[in-house]
Amino acid sequence: MTRRILAHWFTGCLLAVTAASAARAQMQDAFVDPTESDMQFFAPVEFDFEGVKAGFGLDAEVDRLTYRELQARRQIIQKRMRNAR
């Protein structure tokens, strides 16, 4: 074998061994103990709508809004915006 072929063969073996050890280290660190994490992927999300409702000028007790009520609110908001100029 020539030096060049021997050097390529040696470099390839060195890379294979290094990659295998790095892959083994990642495999061991990939799985976290479930007791250490508080993430619950399929748990229902608790969302606070009170801030959103307040932004629209609604009371916290309002559960639904009809289209007619929405149109009336839009007109009131548009009047306020025109008067603010």
Foldseek 3Di string as FASTA:
>chain_A
DDPVVVVVVVVVVVVVVVVVVVVVVCVVVVDDDVVVDPDDPPDDDDDDCCVVCVVLVHHPPDDDDDPVRVVVSVVVVVVVVVVVD
